[in-house]
Every structure is written in C-alpha cells, then in structure tokens.
Amino acid sequence: YGYDNIPARKMTEDLQFLPAYETKIDLNRLRAVLVDNGYQEAITYSFVNPEYEKKLILQQHPLKLLNPISTELSIMRTNHWPGLIEAYRYNIHRQQPRIRLFEIGLCFLNEHNGLKQQLRLGGLCAGPLYTEQWGESKRTSDFYDVKGDVERLLAAAGRTDAHFEPYE
C-alpha cells in the first residue's frame, strides 16, 4: 500500500505522567549503581538447601515445601545468602577469583500470622579488588571496599544519614 498513502494525523490523546513517589526506591537505579561498581546480577532459586539456611540464619523458621524438587532444594529462602554463596562456589571452582554478585528478589518469611514475602537486595564481594592489569596494584577486596559500595547504594536511594557500627 505504501507509507506515502498513510494519512498524517496529530495525536489526540492526552498523555499523563505516572506519579513518582519520593519514598519509593527505583530498583533499576540501584542495579545501575551496582553494575557501575563491577557487580553482576545473579538470579538464583527461591528454594534452597536447608543445611545452608540452618548455618546462615539461626533465628528464622524457614518455610518447608510440601513437594520439593529435591532434598537439597526443600525450603524457601529467607535471604539471598544461600544462592549467592552457591554461585560463589560455582565460580571459584571454575577459576574465577574476582567475584562481585548481587540479587534483588523476594525472600519468604514464615511468621506466626502466615507467609510474608519481602523484596530484598543481597550482595557478595570476594577476591581481588580489580581484574588483573598493569595499571593497578594487586589487592584483595576488604571491608572498606564493600562499605564504599554500600554507601553508594544508600546515596542512590537518598539515604545519607546511615552510619556503621561494629557487630559484637
């Protein structure tokens, strides 16, 4: 038929912007901050090994699945640590020493009034600070590197009033 035969008309719909709430944190902005700092997004299973959960989270009572895929994946995660640690182990076994992972997703808490789903962010940083190169000295990531990453995340979320205290 041809593009030249299509009549040109002005748009008649009124376009309205969606409201932007100041208290809501843009997850894509947090993702961008993490990626800019060398992290890669991981997507892990929501069901995890009960042994990992027992060792990592002492206070929680995880939700057990009635019909699990396997005994190693028989409970719902209460945080991202089990999946991130498994991804870390996978990468280390493939000689990838520098690992920066994060995950944003639902975690499942078994509370007295029922199942509670929370959107959480978890991260893991291990190995050398930089990939091997001639312009930077070889140094392993430490607490202060991770603290800087967390501070950049908080700043992107509009939180500049955070402070850090040692855990005893």
N, C-alpha and C. Protein backbone atom coordinates (compact mmCIF):
# COMPACT_ATOMS: atom_id res chain seq x y z
N TYR A 1 0.83 -1.18 0.00
CA TYR A 1 0.00 0.00 0.00
C TYR A 1 0.88 1.24 0.00
N GLY A 2 1.96 1.24 0.86
CA GLY A 2 2.93 2.34 0.83
C GLY A 2 2.77 3.31 1.98
N TYR A 3 3.91 3.72 2.51
CA TYR A 3 3.90 4.69 3.62
C TYR A 3 3.37 6.05 3.18
N ASP A 4 3.57 6.42 1.97
CA ASP A 4 3.12 7.73 1.50
C ASP A 4 1.60 7.83 1.46
N ASN A 5 0.91 6.70 1.43
CA ASN A 5 -0.56 6.71 1.36
C ASN A 5 -1.22 6.71 2.73
N ILE A 6 -0.43 6.57 3.80
CA ILE A 6 -1.00 6.61 5.16
C ILE A 6 -1.22 8.06 5.54
N PRO A 7 -2.43 8.44 5.94
CA PRO A 7 -2.69 9.86 6.26
C PRO A 7 -1.95 10.27 7.55
N ALA A 8 -1.42 11.47 7.55
CA ALA A 8 -0.73 12.03 8.72
C ALA A 8 -1.77 12.73 9.59
N ARG A 9 -1.81 12.36 10.86
CA ARG A 9 -2.75 12.96 11.80
C ARG A 9 -2.03 13.31 13.08
N LYS A 10 -2.49 14.33 13.75
CA LYS A 10 -1.93 14.70 15.04
C LYS A 10 -2.50 13.77 16.10
N MET A 11 -1.69 13.52 17.11
CA MET A 11 -2.15 12.66 18.20
C MET A 11 -3.17 13.42 19.04
N THR A 12 -4.26 12.76 19.37
CA THR A 12 -5.34 13.43 20.09
C THR A 12 -5.42 13.03 21.56
N GLU A 13 -4.65 12.04 21.97
CA GLU A 13 -4.71 11.59 23.36
C GLU A 13 -3.92 12.51 24.26
N ASP A 14 -4.43 12.73 25.45
CA ASP A 14 -3.68 13.48 26.46
C ASP A 14 -2.77 12.50 27.19
N LEU A 15 -1.50 12.81 27.21
CA LEU A 15 -0.54 11.97 27.90
C LEU A 15 -0.33 12.49 29.31
N GLN A 16 -0.35 11.57 30.24
CA GLN A 16 -0.15 11.95 31.64
C GLN A 16 1.01 11.15 32.20
N PHE A 17 1.82 11.82 33.01
CA PHE A 17 2.93 11.16 33.65
C PHE A 17 2.44 10.35 34.85
N LEU A 18 3.08 9.22 35.06
CA LEU A 18 2.77 8.44 36.25
C LEU A 18 3.37 9.14 37.46
N PRO A 19 2.73 9.04 38.61
CA PRO A 19 3.29 9.71 39.79
C PRO A 19 4.62 9.08 40.22
N ALA A 20 5.53 9.93 40.67
CA ALA A 20 6.82 9.46 41.18
C ALA A 20 6.84 9.71 42.68
N TYR A 21 6.87 8.64 43.44
CA TYR A 21 6.84 8.75 44.89
C TYR A 21 8.24 8.93 45.44
N GLU A 22 8.42 9.88 46.32
CA GLU A 22 9.75 10.15 46.89
C GLU A 22 10.23 9.02 47.79
N THR A 23 9.31 8.30 48.40
CA THR A 23 9.70 7.25 49.34
C THR A 23 10.00 5.92 48.66
N LYS A 24 9.66 5.80 47.38
CA LYS A 24 9.90 4.55 46.66
C LYS A 24 11.27 4.60 45.99
N ILE A 25 12.05 3.55 46.20
CA ILE A 25 13.40 3.48 45.64
C ILE A 25 13.31 2.79 44.27
N ASP A 26 13.93 3.39 43.29
CA ASP A 26 13.94 2.83 41.94
C ASP A 26 14.96 1.69 41.89
N LEU A 27 14.48 0.47 41.70
CA LEU A 27 15.36 -0.69 41.68
C LEU A 27 16.33 -0.66 40.50
N ASN A 28 15.91 -0.11 39.38
CA ASN A 28 16.81 -0.01 38.23
C ASN A 28 17.97 0.93 38.51
N ARG A 29 17.72 1.94 39.31
CA ARG A 29 18.80 2.85 39.71
C ARG A 29 19.81 2.12 40.60
N LEU A 30 19.31 1.31 41.54
CA LEU A 30 20.21 0.53 42.40
C LEU A 30 21.00 -0.49 41.58
N ARG A 31 20.33 -1.12 40.63
CA ARG A 31 21.03 -2.06 39.74
C ARG A 31 22.16 -1.36 38.99
N ALA A 32 21.88 -0.17 38.48
CA ALA A 32 22.87 0.58 37.71
C ALA A 32 24.07 0.94 38.59
N VAL A 33 23.83 1.32 39.83
CA VAL A 33 24.94 1.65 40.74
C VAL A 33 25.81 0.42 40.96
N LEU A 34 25.19 -0.72 41.20
CA LEU A 34 25.95 -1.94 41.44
C LEU A 34 26.73 -2.37 40.19
N VAL A 35 26.10 -2.32 39.04
CA VAL A 35 26.79 -2.70 37.80
C VAL A 35 27.94 -1.73 37.52
N ASP A 36 27.74 -0.45 37.79
CA ASP A 36 28.81 0.53 37.61
C ASP A 36 29.99 0.26 38.53
N ASN A 37 29.75 -0.41 39.64
CA ASN A 37 30.82 -0.74 40.59
C ASN A 37 31.37 -2.15 40.38
N GLY A 38 31.05 -2.77 39.26
CA GLY A 38 31.66 -4.05 38.91
C GLY A 38 30.89 -5.28 39.33
N TYR A 39 29.68 -5.13 39.83
CA TYR A 39 28.88 -6.28 40.25
C TYR A 39 28.08 -6.81 39.07
N GLN A 40 27.75 -8.07 39.14
CA GLN A 40 26.89 -8.70 38.13
C GLN A 40 25.65 -9.22 38.85
N GLU A 41 24.50 -9.09 38.20
CA GLU A 41 23.26 -9.55 38.82
C GLU A 41 23.13 -11.06 38.68
N ALA A 42 22.83 -11.69 39.78
CA ALA A 42 22.59 -13.13 39.80
C ALA A 42 21.10 -13.37 40.02
N ILE A 43 20.61 -14.42 39.43
CA ILE A 43 19.23 -14.83 39.67
C ILE A 43 19.30 -16.28 40.12
N THR A 44 19.03 -16.49 41.39
CA THR A 44 19.15 -17.82 41.97
C THR A 44 17.77 -18.36 42.32
N TYR A 45 17.73 -19.64 42.68
CA TYR A 45 16.47 -20.27 43.05
C TYR A 45 15.90 -19.66 44.33
N SER A 46 14.59 -19.64 44.42
CA SER A 46 13.93 -19.19 45.66
C SER A 46 13.88 -20.30 46.69
N PHE A 47 14.14 -21.53 46.27
CA PHE A 47 14.20 -22.63 47.22
C PHE A 47 15.66 -23.04 47.37
N VAL A 48 16.04 -23.33 48.62
CA VAL A 48 17.45 -23.51 48.94
C VAL A 48 17.67 -24.76 49.78
N ASN A 49 18.93 -25.07 49.99
CA ASN A 49 19.34 -26.20 50.81
C ASN A 49 19.10 -25.88 52.28
N PRO A 50 18.39 -26.76 53.02
CA PRO A 50 18.11 -26.47 54.43
C PRO A 50 19.38 -26.39 55.28
N GLU A 51 20.46 -27.09 54.87
CA GLU A 51 21.71 -27.02 55.62
C GLU A 51 22.31 -25.62 55.55
N TYR A 52 22.30 -25.01 54.37
CA TYR A 52 22.79 -23.63 54.23
C TYR A 52 21.97 -22.69 55.10
N GLU A 53 20.68 -22.84 55.00
CA GLU A 53 19.78 -21.94 55.75
C GLU A 53 20.00 -22.08 57.25
N LYS A 54 20.18 -23.30 57.70
CA LYS A 54 20.39 -23.55 59.13
C LYS A 54 21.69 -22.92 59.62
N LYS A 55 22.74 -23.01 58.81
CA LYS A 55 24.04 -22.46 59.21
C LYS A 55 24.10 -20.95 59.10
N LEU A 56 23.39 -20.38 58.14
CA LEU A 56 23.48 -18.94 57.90
C LEU A 56 22.48 -18.12 58.70
N ILE A 57 21.29 -18.63 58.90
CA ILE A 57 20.23 -17.88 59.55
C ILE A 57 19.75 -18.67 60.75
N LEU A 58 20.16 -18.25 61.92
CA LEU A 58 19.84 -19.03 63.11
C LEU A 58 18.45 -18.75 63.67
N GLN A 59 17.93 -17.53 63.52
CA GLN A 59 16.68 -17.17 64.15
C GLN A 59 15.43 -17.54 63.37
N GLN A 60 15.54 -17.70 62.08
CA GLN A 60 14.37 -17.89 61.22
C GLN A 60 13.85 -19.32 61.26
N HIS A 61 12.58 -19.47 60.98
CA HIS A 61 11.95 -20.77 60.80
C HIS A 61 11.52 -20.84 59.33
N PRO A 62 12.34 -21.43 58.49
CA PRO A 62 12.04 -21.40 57.06
C PRO A 62 10.78 -22.19 56.70
N LEU A 63 10.21 -21.80 55.59
CA LEU A 63 9.02 -22.45 55.07
C LEU A 63 9.43 -23.69 54.28
N LYS A 64 8.96 -24.85 54.72
CA LYS A 64 9.29 -26.10 54.03
C LYS A 64 8.31 -26.34 52.89
N LEU A 65 8.84 -26.81 51.77
CA LEU A 65 7.99 -27.13 50.63
C LEU A 65 7.35 -28.50 50.81
N LEU A 66 6.11 -28.63 50.41
CA LEU A 66 5.41 -29.90 50.52
C LEU A 66 5.89 -30.90 49.48
N ASN A 67 6.24 -30.41 48.30
CA ASN A 67 6.66 -31.29 47.22
C ASN A 67 7.93 -30.71 46.56
N PRO A 68 9.09 -30.82 47.25
CA PRO A 68 10.31 -30.19 46.72
C PRO A 68 10.87 -30.91 45.50
N ILE A 69 11.65 -30.19 44.71
CA ILE A 69 12.33 -30.77 43.56
C ILE A 69 13.31 -31.83 44.02
N SER A 70 14.04 -31.51 45.10
CA SER A 70 15.00 -32.45 45.69
C SER A 70 15.16 -32.09 47.16
N THR A 71 15.82 -32.92 47.92
CA THR A 71 16.04 -32.63 49.34
C THR A 71 16.98 -31.45 49.51
N GLU A 72 17.86 -31.18 48.52
CA GLU A 72 18.76 -30.04 48.60
C GLU A 72 18.05 -28.72 48.34
N LEU A 73 16.88 -28.76 47.78
CA LEU A 73 16.10 -27.55 47.49
C LEU A 73 14.71 -27.69 48.09
N SER A 74 14.66 -27.85 49.40
CA SER A 74 13.38 -28.19 50.02
C SER A 74 12.76 -27.10 50.89
N ILE A 75 13.42 -25.93 51.03
CA ILE A 75 12.81 -24.85 51.79
C ILE A 75 12.92 -23.54 51.00
N MET A 76 12.07 -22.60 51.35
CA MET A 76 12.08 -21.29 50.71
C MET A 76 13.13 -20.41 51.40
N ARG A 77 13.83 -19.60 50.63
CA ARG A 77 14.90 -18.78 51.19
C ARG A 77 14.33 -17.66 52.07
N THR A 78 15.07 -17.35 53.12
CA THR A 78 14.72 -16.22 53.97
C THR A 78 15.62 -15.02 53.67
N ASN A 79 16.70 -15.25 52.92
CA ASN A 79 17.54 -14.18 52.40
C ASN A 79 18.31 -14.70 51.18
N HIS A 80 19.17 -13.89 50.63
CA HIS A 80 19.86 -14.25 49.39
C HIS A 80 21.18 -14.99 49.60
N TRP A 81 21.66 -15.10 50.81
CA TRP A 81 22.97 -15.69 51.06
C TRP A 81 23.14 -17.11 50.51
N PRO A 82 22.22 -18.03 50.74
CA PRO A 82 22.46 -19.39 50.22
C PRO A 82 22.69 -19.43 48.71
N GLY A 83 21.89 -18.73 47.95
CA GLY A 83 22.05 -18.72 46.50
C GLY A 83 23.32 -18.02 46.05
N LEU A 84 23.67 -16.91 46.70
CA LEU A 84 24.88 -16.19 46.33
C LEU A 84 26.14 -16.98 46.68
N ILE A 85 26.11 -17.67 47.82
CA ILE A 85 27.27 -18.48 48.20
C ILE A 85 27.43 -19.66 47.24
N GLU A 86 26.34 -20.24 46.83
CA GLU A 86 26.42 -21.33 45.85
C GLU A 86 26.96 -20.82 44.52
N ALA A 87 26.56 -19.62 44.09
CA ALA A 87 27.10 -19.02 42.87
C ALA A 87 28.59 -18.71 43.03
N TYR A 88 28.98 -18.29 44.21
CA TYR A 88 30.40 -18.04 44.51
C TYR A 88 31.20 -19.34 44.38
N ARG A 89 30.70 -20.41 44.99
CA ARG A 89 31.39 -21.71 44.91
C ARG A 89 31.51 -22.17 43.46
N TYR A 90 30.46 -22.01 42.70
CA TYR A 90 30.46 -22.40 41.29
C TYR A 90 31.57 -21.67 40.54
N ASN A 91 31.67 -20.35 40.76
CA ASN A 91 32.67 -19.55 40.05
C ASN A 91 34.09 -19.85 40.52
N ILE A 92 34.28 -20.06 41.79
CA ILE A 92 35.62 -20.38 42.32
C ILE A 92 36.11 -21.70 41.73
N HIS A 93 35.22 -22.69 41.61
CA HIS A 93 35.61 -23.98 41.04
C HIS A 93 35.94 -23.87 39.55
N ARG A 94 35.61 -22.77 38.94
CA ARG A 94 35.95 -22.54 37.54
C ARG A 94 37.04 -21.47 37.39
N GLN A 95 37.85 -21.34 38.44
CA GLN A 95 39.00 -20.44 38.49
C GLN A 95 38.66 -18.99 38.14
N GLN A 96 37.57 -18.50 38.71
CA GLN A 96 37.20 -17.10 38.59
C GLN A 96 37.39 -16.46 39.97
N PRO A 97 38.56 -15.90 40.26
CA PRO A 97 38.84 -15.44 41.63
C PRO A 97 38.12 -14.15 42.01
N ARG A 98 37.84 -13.27 41.06
CA ARG A 98 37.20 -11.99 41.37
C ARG A 98 35.70 -12.13 41.17
N ILE A 99 34.96 -12.03 42.26
CA ILE A 99 33.52 -12.26 42.19
C ILE A 99 32.78 -11.10 42.85
N ARG A 100 31.88 -10.49 42.10
CA ARG A 100 31.01 -9.42 42.57
C ARG A 100 29.60 -9.77 42.09
N LEU A 101 28.75 -10.19 43.02
CA LEU A 101 27.40 -10.60 42.66
C LEU A 101 26.38 -9.84 43.51
N PHE A 102 25.21 -9.62 42.95
CA PHE A 102 24.09 -9.09 43.72
C PHE A 102 22.81 -9.72 43.20
N GLU A 103 21.81 -9.70 44.06
CA GLU A 103 20.50 -10.22 43.66
C GLU A 103 19.42 -9.38 44.34
N ILE A 104 18.43 -9.04 43.56
CA ILE A 104 17.24 -8.36 44.08
C ILE A 104 16.07 -9.30 43.83
N GLY A 105 15.39 -9.69 44.89
CA GLY A 105 14.29 -10.62 44.72
C GLY A 105 13.54 -10.85 46.02
N LEU A 106 12.51 -11.65 45.92
CA LEU A 106 11.68 -11.93 47.08
C LEU A 106 12.33 -12.95 47.99
N CYS A 107 12.18 -12.73 49.29
CA CYS A 107 12.55 -13.70 50.31
C CYS A 107 11.28 -14.02 51.09
N PHE A 108 11.22 -15.21 51.65
CA PHE A 108 9.97 -15.71 52.22
C PHE A 108 10.16 -15.98 53.71
N LEU A 109 9.40 -15.25 54.52
CA LEU A 109 9.50 -15.39 55.97
C LEU A 109 8.26 -16.09 56.50
N ASN A 110 8.48 -17.10 57.29
CA ASN A 110 7.39 -17.87 57.89
C ASN A 110 7.09 -17.27 59.26
N GLU A 111 6.10 -16.39 59.31
CA GLU A 111 5.76 -15.72 60.57
C GLU A 111 4.50 -16.32 61.16
N HIS A 112 4.25 -15.99 62.40
CA HIS A 112 3.10 -16.57 63.12
C HIS A 112 1.76 -16.22 62.46
N ASN A 113 1.68 -15.11 61.74
CA ASN A 113 0.43 -14.76 61.07
C ASN A 113 0.43 -15.16 59.60
N GLY A 114 1.36 -16.00 59.19
CA GLY A 114 1.38 -16.52 57.83
C GLY A 114 2.65 -16.16 57.08
N LEU A 115 2.63 -16.44 55.81
CA LEU A 115 3.79 -16.21 54.95
C LEU A 115 3.93 -14.73 54.64
N LYS A 116 5.14 -14.22 54.78
CA LYS A 116 5.43 -12.83 54.45
C LYS A 116 6.51 -12.82 53.38
N GLN A 117 6.25 -12.12 52.28
CA GLN A 117 7.22 -12.00 51.20
C GLN A 117 7.84 -10.61 51.26
N GLN A 118 9.16 -10.56 51.27
CA GLN A 118 9.86 -9.28 51.31
C GLN A 118 10.81 -9.17 50.12
N LEU A 119 10.80 -8.02 49.48
CA LEU A 119 11.75 -7.74 48.42
C LEU A 119 13.05 -7.30 49.08
N ARG A 120 14.13 -8.01 48.80
CA ARG A 120 15.41 -7.73 49.44
C ARG A 120 16.53 -7.68 48.41
N LEU A 121 17.60 -7.02 48.80
CA LEU A 121 18.80 -6.96 48.00
C LEU A 121 19.92 -7.63 48.79
N GLY A 122 20.65 -8.51 48.13
CA GLY A 122 21.81 -9.15 48.76
C GLY A 122 23.00 -9.05 47.83
N GLY A 123 24.18 -9.02 48.42
CA GLY A 123 25.38 -8.90 47.61
C GLY A 123 26.52 -9.72 48.16
N LEU A 124 27.49 -9.98 47.29
CA LEU A 124 28.67 -10.75 47.67
C LEU A 124 29.86 -10.17 46.92
N CYS A 125 30.95 -9.94 47.65
CA CYS A 125 32.17 -9.39 47.07
C CYS A 125 33.34 -10.21 47.59
N ALA A 126 34.13 -10.78 46.67
CA ALA A 126 35.27 -11.61 47.08
C ALA A 126 36.37 -11.52 46.03
N GLY A 127 37.58 -11.73 46.49
CA GLY A 127 38.71 -11.79 45.58
C GLY A 127 39.38 -10.46 45.37
N PRO A 128 40.18 -10.35 44.31
CA PRO A 128 40.92 -9.12 44.03
C PRO A 128 39.99 -7.93 43.81
N LEU A 129 40.47 -6.75 44.18
CA LEU A 129 39.68 -5.54 44.01
C LEU A 129 39.46 -5.23 42.53
N TYR A 130 40.50 -5.39 41.73
CA TYR A 130 40.42 -5.13 40.30
C TYR A 130 40.77 -6.39 39.52
N THR A 131 40.31 -6.45 38.28
CA THR A 131 40.79 -7.53 37.42
C THR A 131 42.28 -7.29 37.17
N GLU A 132 43.01 -8.34 36.88
CA GLU A 132 44.45 -8.22 36.73
C GLU A 132 44.79 -7.29 35.57
N GLN A 133 45.62 -6.28 35.87
CA GLN A 133 46.02 -5.31 34.87
C GLN A 133 47.32 -4.65 35.30
N TRP A 134 47.99 -4.02 34.38
CA TRP A 134 49.29 -3.43 34.69
C TRP A 134 49.16 -2.09 35.41
N GLY A 135 48.03 -1.42 35.29
CA GLY A 135 47.87 -0.08 35.85
C GLY A 135 47.48 -0.03 37.31
N GLU A 136 47.10 -1.15 37.90
CA GLU A 136 46.67 -1.18 39.30
C GLU A 136 47.44 -2.26 40.04
N SER A 137 47.75 -1.96 41.30
CA SER A 137 48.42 -2.97 42.11
C SER A 137 47.42 -4.05 42.52
N LYS A 138 47.92 -5.24 42.73
CA LYS A 138 47.05 -6.36 43.10
C LYS A 138 46.72 -6.25 44.58
N ARG A 139 45.42 -6.18 44.87
CA ARG A 139 44.96 -6.05 46.25
C ARG A 139 43.62 -6.76 46.39
N THR A 140 43.44 -7.44 47.50
CA THR A 140 42.19 -8.15 47.76
C THR A 140 41.15 -7.17 48.31
N SER A 141 39.90 -7.36 47.92
CA SER A 141 38.82 -6.54 48.45
C SER A 141 38.72 -6.71 49.95
N ASP A 142 38.35 -5.64 50.62
CA ASP A 142 38.22 -5.72 52.08
C ASP A 142 36.93 -5.04 52.54
N PHE A 143 36.77 -4.92 53.82
CA PHE A 143 35.57 -4.35 54.42
C PHE A 143 35.31 -2.94 53.89
N TYR A 144 36.35 -2.14 53.75
CA TYR A 144 36.16 -0.75 53.35
C TYR A 144 35.73 -0.62 51.89
N ASP A 145 36.13 -1.54 51.06
CA ASP A 145 35.64 -1.55 49.68
C ASP A 145 34.14 -1.84 49.64
N VAL A 146 33.71 -2.82 50.41
CA VAL A 146 32.28 -3.17 50.47
C VAL A 146 31.50 -2.03 51.12
N LYS A 147 32.06 -1.44 52.16
CA LYS A 147 31.41 -0.30 52.82
C LYS A 147 31.19 0.84 51.83
N GLY A 148 32.19 1.12 50.99
CA GLY A 148 32.03 2.15 49.96
C GLY A 148 30.92 1.81 48.99
N ASP A 149 30.81 0.53 48.60
CA ASP A 149 29.73 0.11 47.71
C ASP A 149 28.37 0.31 48.36
N VAL A 150 28.27 -0.05 49.63
CA VAL A 150 27.00 0.11 50.36
C VAL A 150 26.66 1.60 50.49
N GLU A 151 27.66 2.43 50.76
CA GLU A 151 27.40 3.87 50.87
C GLU A 151 26.92 4.46 49.55
N ARG A 152 27.47 3.99 48.43
CA ARG A 152 27.00 4.46 47.13
C ARG A 152 25.56 4.01 46.87
N LEU A 153 25.21 2.80 47.30
CA LEU A 153 23.82 2.33 47.18
C LEU A 153 22.88 3.19 48.00
N LEU A 154 23.27 3.46 49.23
CA LEU A 154 22.43 4.27 50.11
C LEU A 154 22.27 5.69 49.56
N ALA A 155 23.35 6.26 49.02
CA ALA A 155 23.25 7.60 48.42
C ALA A 155 22.31 7.60 47.23
N ALA A 156 22.35 6.54 46.41
CA ALA A 156 21.44 6.44 45.26
C ALA A 156 19.99 6.31 45.72
N ALA A 157 19.80 5.75 46.91
CA ALA A 157 18.45 5.61 47.46
C ALA A 157 18.03 6.85 48.25
N GLY A 158 18.91 7.86 48.30
CA GLY A 158 18.57 9.09 49.01
C GLY A 158 18.82 9.03 50.50
N ARG A 159 19.59 8.07 50.95
CA ARG A 159 19.88 7.91 52.38
C ARG A 159 21.32 8.30 52.66
N THR A 160 21.53 9.46 53.20
CA THR A 160 22.88 9.91 53.53
C THR A 160 23.11 9.94 55.04
N ASP A 161 22.14 9.49 55.81
CA ASP A 161 22.23 9.57 57.27
C ASP A 161 22.68 8.25 57.91
N ALA A 162 23.10 7.28 57.10
CA ALA A 162 23.48 5.96 57.63
C ALA A 162 24.86 6.03 58.29
N HIS A 163 25.04 5.20 59.30
CA HIS A 163 26.36 5.06 59.92
C HIS A 163 26.61 3.58 60.21
N PHE A 164 27.85 3.20 60.35
CA PHE A 164 28.22 1.81 60.52
C PHE A 164 28.76 1.60 61.93
N GLU A 165 28.39 0.48 62.53
CA GLU A 165 28.87 0.11 63.86
C GLU A 165 29.39 -1.30 63.83
N PRO A 166 30.43 -1.59 64.60
CA PRO A 166 30.93 -2.97 64.63
C PRO A 166 29.95 -3.90 65.30
N TYR A 167 29.86 -5.12 64.80
CA TYR A 167 28.98 -6.13 65.36
C TYR A 167 29.77 -6.97 66.35
N GLU A 168 29.24 -7.12 67.54
CA GLU A 168 29.96 -7.90 68.56
C GLU A 168 29.14 -9.08 69.01
